[in-house]
Amino acid sequence: GNLHGLYEQDTSVDIIAEDFLLFCKLAAQNNVIPAGWNWGNCFDEAAKLLPYAFEKSDAKEKWGGENVFTGMLLGGRSLRLTGEVVYGFSCMGPADMSAKEIAGFKCMGSKIRGFEGWQGLVSKGSEVLENVGGVELWKQLHSKLFIPRGNY
């Protein structure tokens, strides 16, 4: 499988931060971030939520059942559809991705992981972090993250 974040066997705070950065960069690139977005507030919440797995059952408990058609009919967007817009492909997996979608996703991931670890990214990759809160906010978020053993 393709495990990430807390599900990755040898996960670390760096991996969690890099995966969340990829999500944020793709959300910005795919115009999912609303005007006036406050990255500081986002990271305050992220620091509380990222250390814990968030399963489908958690989403149902928090927001109720999901009907992907409700967002289309009533305006807004379902959580699943938002994820598909952010990542640029269906949750059904890469099998339905075009070559262009695969290349775009891999390119963004390579940009993030091309700095030889988190410290390299925050010291040399300020342009990567610029449109998603900036270096200082990412350093603050990273310093608040932890891996709760046995809680995922």
C-alpha atoms as a PDB file:
ATOM      1  CA  GLY A   1       0.000   0.000   0.000  1.00  0.00           C
ATOM      2  CA  ASN A   2       0.843   3.652  -0.022  1.00  0.00           C
ATOM      3  CA  LEU A   3       0.823   4.600   3.650  1.00  0.00           C
ATOM      4  CA  HIS A   4       1.443   8.170   4.765  1.00  0.00           C
ATOM      5  CA  GLY A   5       1.552  10.222   7.909  1.00  0.00           C
ATOM      6  CA  LEU A   6       0.640   8.391  11.074  1.00  0.00           C
ATOM      7  CA  TYR A   7       0.105   5.170   9.132  1.00  0.00           C
ATOM      8  CA  GLU A   8       3.684   5.087   7.866  1.00  0.00           C
ATOM      9  CA  GLN A   9       5.644   2.575   9.941  1.00  0.00           C
ATOM     10  CA  ASP A  10       8.649   4.825  10.545  1.00  0.00           C
ATOM     11  CA  THR A  11       6.690   8.071  10.738  1.00  0.00           C
ATOM     12  CA  SER A  12       8.121  11.204  12.300  1.00  0.00           C
ATOM     13  CA  VAL A  13       7.087  14.774  12.962  1.00  0.00           C
ATOM     14  CA  ASP A  14       8.999  15.705   9.788  1.00  0.00           C
ATOM     15  CA  ILE A  15       6.918  13.280   7.705  1.00  0.00           C
ATOM     16  CA  ILE A  16       3.667  14.554   9.221  1.00  0.00           C
ATOM     17  CA  ALA A  17       4.692  18.162   8.469  1.00  0.00           C
ATOM     18  CA  GLU A  18       5.794  17.319   4.911  1.00  0.00           C
ATOM     19  CA  ASP A  19       2.550  15.480   4.158  1.00  0.00           C
ATOM     20  CA  PHE A  20       0.499  18.401   5.507  1.00  0.00           C
ATOM     21  CA  LEU A  21       2.636  20.826   3.504  1.00  0.00           C
ATOM     22  CA  LEU A  22       1.911  18.816   0.352  1.00  0.00           C
ATOM     23  CA  PHE A  23      -1.817  19.042   1.137  1.00  0.00           C
ATOM     24  CA  CYS A  24      -1.572  22.821   1.722  1.00  0.00           C
ATOM     25  CA  LYS A  25       0.482  23.424  -1.435  1.00  0.00           C
ATOM     26  CA  LEU A  26      -1.960  21.418  -3.555  1.00  0.00           C
ATOM     27  CA  ALA A  27      -4.935  23.210  -1.955  1.00  0.00           C
ATOM     28  CA  ALA A  28      -3.352  26.570  -2.837  1.00  0.00           C
ATOM     29  CA  GLN A  29      -2.399  25.426  -6.347  1.00  0.00           C
ATOM     30  CA  ASN A  30      -5.922  24.103  -7.020  1.00  0.00           C
ATOM     31  CA  ASN A  31      -7.637  27.255  -5.686  1.00  0.00           C
ATOM     32  CA  VAL A  32      -9.276  25.584  -2.690  1.00  0.00           C
ATOM     33  CA  ILE A  33      -7.992  28.169  -0.177  1.00  0.00           C
ATOM     34  CA  PRO A  34     -10.541  30.996   0.279  1.00  0.00           C
ATOM     35  CA  ALA A  35      -9.579  34.673   0.090  1.00  0.00           C
ATOM     36  CA  GLY A  36      -8.491  36.046   3.472  1.00  0.00           C
ATOM     37  CA  TRP A  37      -7.394  32.631   4.765  1.00  0.00           C
ATOM     38  CA  ASN A  38      -5.541  32.844   8.073  1.00  0.00           C
ATOM     39  CA  TRP A  39      -2.670  30.351   8.021  1.00  0.00           C
ATOM     40  CA  GLY A  40      -1.830  31.039  11.675  1.00  0.00           C
ATOM     41  CA  ASN A  41      -5.311  29.949  12.780  1.00  0.00           C
ATOM     42  CA  CYS A  42      -5.148  26.981  10.426  1.00  0.00           C
ATOM     43  CA  PHE A  43      -1.841  25.839  11.935  1.00  0.00           C
ATOM     44  CA  ASP A  44      -3.126  26.291  15.497  1.00  0.00           C
ATOM     45  CA  GLU A  45      -5.903  23.798  14.695  1.00  0.00           C
ATOM     46  CA  ALA A  46      -3.573  21.585  12.664  1.00  0.00           C
ATOM     47  CA  ALA A  47      -1.210  21.253  15.641  1.00  0.00           C
ATOM     48  CA  LYS A  48      -4.111  19.806  17.656  1.00  0.00           C
ATOM     49  CA  LEU A  49      -5.430  17.500  14.920  1.00  0.00           C
ATOM     50  CA  LEU A  50      -2.461  16.240  12.893  1.00  0.00           C
ATOM     51  CA  PRO A  51      -1.045  13.976  15.622  1.00  0.00           C
ATOM     52  CA  TYR A  52      -4.194  11.843  15.495  1.00  0.00           C
ATOM     53  CA  ALA A  53      -5.617   9.661  12.742  1.00  0.00           C
ATOM     54  CA  PHE A  54      -8.911  10.885  11.294  1.00  0.00           C
ATOM     55  CA  GLU A  55     -10.965   8.006   9.983  1.00  0.00           C
ATOM     56  CA  LYS A  56     -14.196   7.992   8.001  1.00  0.00           C
ATOM     57  CA  SER A  57     -16.044   7.145  11.236  1.00  0.00           C
ATOM     58  CA  ASP A  58     -14.590  10.303  12.837  1.00  0.00           C
ATOM     59  CA  ALA A  59     -15.883  12.405   9.937  1.00  0.00           C
ATOM     60  CA  LYS A  60     -19.341  10.847  10.274  1.00  0.00           C
ATOM     61  CA  GLU A  61     -19.356  11.551  14.017  1.00  0.00           C
ATOM     62  CA  LYS A  62     -18.247  15.152  13.534  1.00  0.00           C
ATOM     63  CA  TRP A  63     -20.357  16.084  10.491  1.00  0.00           C
ATOM     64  CA  GLY A  64     -22.899  13.294  10.062  1.00  0.00           C
ATOM     65  CA  GLY A  65     -23.199  11.093   7.017  1.00  0.00           C
ATOM     66  CA  GLU A  66     -21.857  12.315   3.732  1.00  0.00           C
ATOM     67  CA  ASN A  67     -23.718  12.431   0.480  1.00  0.00           C
ATOM     68  CA  VAL A  68     -21.363  13.672  -2.237  1.00  0.00           C
ATOM     69  CA  PHE A  69     -24.363  14.859  -4.271  1.00  0.00           C
ATOM     70  CA  THR A  70     -25.639  17.164  -1.507  1.00  0.00           C
ATOM     71  CA  GLY A  71     -22.834  19.627  -2.126  1.00  0.00           C
ATOM     72  CA  MET A  72     -23.633  19.730  -5.817  1.00  0.00           C
ATOM     73  CA  LEU A  73     -27.353  20.234  -5.244  1.00  0.00           C
ATOM     74  CA  LEU A  74     -27.285  22.633  -2.301  1.00  0.00           C
ATOM     75  CA  GLY A  75     -24.013  24.459  -2.929  1.00  0.00           C
ATOM     76  CA  GLY A  76     -20.808  23.964  -1.056  1.00  0.00           C
ATOM     77  CA  ARG A  77     -18.745  20.838  -1.335  1.00  0.00           C
ATOM     78  CA  SER A  78     -18.563  17.490   0.469  1.00  0.00           C
ATOM     79  CA  LEU A  79     -15.426  16.600   2.415  1.00  0.00           C
ATOM     80  CA  ARG A  80     -14.585  13.840  -0.069  1.00  0.00           C
ATOM     81  CA  LEU A  81     -15.100  16.082  -3.096  1.00  0.00           C
ATOM     82  CA  THR A  82     -12.939  18.785  -1.474  1.00  0.00           C
ATOM     83  CA  GLY A  83     -10.153  16.214  -1.051  1.00  0.00           C
ATOM     84  CA  GLU A  84     -10.468  15.252  -4.690  1.00  0.00           C
ATOM     85  CA  VAL A  85     -10.201  18.907  -5.743  1.00  0.00           C
ATOM     86  CA  VAL A  86      -7.156  19.432  -3.492  1.00  0.00           C
ATOM     87  CA  TYR A  87      -5.290  16.347  -4.696  1.00  0.00           C
ATOM     88  CA  GLY A  88      -6.475  16.652  -8.272  1.00  0.00           C
ATOM     89  CA  PHE A  89      -7.757  13.080  -8.538  1.00  0.00           C
ATOM     90  CA  SER A  90     -10.506  10.844  -7.246  1.00  0.00           C
ATOM     91  CA  CYS A  91     -10.325   9.097  -3.893  1.00  0.00           C
ATOM     92  CA  MET A  92     -10.756   5.891  -5.881  1.00  0.00           C
ATOM     93  CA  GLY A  93      -7.017   6.058  -6.430  1.00  0.00           C
ATOM     94  CA  PRO A  94      -4.417   6.731  -9.064  1.00  0.00           C
ATOM     95  CA  ALA A  95      -5.967   4.282 -11.534  1.00  0.00           C
ATOM     96  CA  ASP A  96      -8.235   7.048 -12.828  1.00  0.00           C
ATOM     97  CA  MET A  97      -5.539   9.743 -12.913  1.00  0.00           C
ATOM     98  CA  SER A  98      -4.373  11.239 -16.181  1.00  0.00           C
ATOM     99  CA  ALA A  99      -0.649  11.448 -16.937  1.00  0.00           C
ATOM    100  CA  LYS A 100      -0.855  15.228 -16.366  1.00  0.00           C
ATOM    101  CA  GLU A 101      -2.452  14.771 -12.905  1.00  0.00           C
ATOM    102  CA  ILE A 102       0.161  12.205 -11.898  1.00  0.00           C
ATOM    103  CA  ALA A 103       2.989  14.472 -13.093  1.00  0.00           C
ATOM    104  CA  GLY A 104       1.608  17.506 -11.205  1.00  0.00           C
ATOM    105  CA  PHE A 105       1.189  15.572  -7.973  1.00  0.00           C
ATOM    106  CA  LYS A 106       4.661  13.997  -8.200  1.00  0.00           C
ATOM    107  CA  CYS A 107       6.238  17.360  -9.097  1.00  0.00           C
ATOM    108  CA  MET A 108       4.820  19.053  -5.987  1.00  0.00           C
ATOM    109  CA  GLY A 109       5.873  16.125  -3.787  1.00  0.00           C
ATOM    110  CA  SER A 110       9.369  16.189  -5.285  1.00  0.00           C
ATOM    111  CA  LYS A 111       9.686  19.932  -4.647  1.00  0.00           C
ATOM    112  CA  ILE A 112       8.868  19.402  -0.979  1.00  0.00           C
ATOM    113  CA  ARG A 113      11.003  16.302  -0.469  1.00  0.00           C
ATOM    114  CA  GLY A 114      13.912  17.622  -2.548  1.00  0.00           C
ATOM    115  CA  PHE A 115      15.396  19.631   0.331  1.00  0.00           C
ATOM    116  CA  GLU A 116      16.908  16.647   2.173  1.00  0.00           C
ATOM    117  CA  GLY A 117      14.600  16.696   5.140  1.00  0.00           C
ATOM    118  CA  TRP A 118      12.542  19.196   7.070  1.00  0.00           C
ATOM    119  CA  GLN A 119      15.485  21.303   8.268  1.00  0.00           C
ATOM    120  CA  GLY A 120      16.703  21.723   4.704  1.00  0.00           C
ATOM    121  CA  LEU A 121      13.230  22.740   3.622  1.00  0.00           C
ATOM    122  CA  VAL A 122      12.805  25.465   6.251  1.00  0.00           C
ATOM    123  CA  SER A 123      16.357  26.765   5.792  1.00  0.00           C
ATOM    124  CA  LYS A 124      16.574  26.668   1.961  1.00  0.00           C
ATOM    125  CA  GLY A 125      12.994  26.336   0.750  1.00  0.00           C
ATOM    126  CA  SER A 126      11.370  29.601   1.792  1.00  0.00           C
ATOM    127  CA  GLU A 127       9.879  30.036  -1.698  1.00  0.00           C
ATOM    128  CA  VAL A 128       8.059  26.702  -1.295  1.00  0.00           C
ATOM    129  CA  LEU A 129       6.511  27.869   1.991  1.00  0.00           C
ATOM    130  CA  GLU A 130       5.798  31.443   0.918  1.00  0.00           C
ATOM    131  CA  ASN A 131       2.212  31.066  -0.331  1.00  0.00           C
ATOM    132  CA  VAL A 132       1.170  28.709   2.467  1.00  0.00           C
ATOM    133  CA  GLY A 133       1.935  30.711   5.596  1.00  0.00           C
ATOM    134  CA  GLY A 134       5.680  31.269   5.335  1.00  0.00           C
ATOM    135  CA  VAL A 135       8.713  29.785   7.054  1.00  0.00           C
ATOM    136  CA  GLU A 136       8.074  31.109  10.567  1.00  0.00           C
ATOM    137  CA  LEU A 137       4.530  29.728  10.821  1.00  0.00           C
ATOM    138  CA  TRP A 138       5.711  26.338   9.520  1.00  0.00           C
ATOM    139  CA  LYS A 139       8.521  26.282  12.086  1.00  0.00           C
ATOM    140  CA  GLN A 140       5.984  27.035  14.821  1.00  0.00           C
ATOM    141  CA  LEU A 141       3.642  24.298  13.611  1.00  0.00           C
ATOM    142  CA  HIS A 142       6.484  21.782  13.387  1.00  0.00           C
ATOM    143  CA  SER A 143       7.581  22.568  16.948  1.00  0.00           C
ATOM    144  CA  LYS A 144       4.056  21.783  18.242  1.00  0.00           C
ATOM    145  CA  LEU A 145       3.672  18.434  16.466  1.00  0.00           C
ATOM    146  CA  PHE A 146       4.211  15.085  18.161  1.00  0.00           C
ATOM    147  CA  ILE A 147       3.584  11.403  17.470  1.00  0.00           C
ATOM    148  CA  PRO A 148       1.232   9.841  20.039  1.00  0.00           C
ATOM    149  CA  ARG A 149       2.357   6.209  20.141  1.00  0.00           C
ATOM    150  CA  GLY A 150      -0.525   3.784  20.241  1.00  0.00           C
ATOM    151  CA  ASN A 151      -3.178   6.394  19.325  1.00  0.00           C
ATOM    152  CA  TYR A 152      -3.481   5.730  15.619  1.00  0.00           C
END
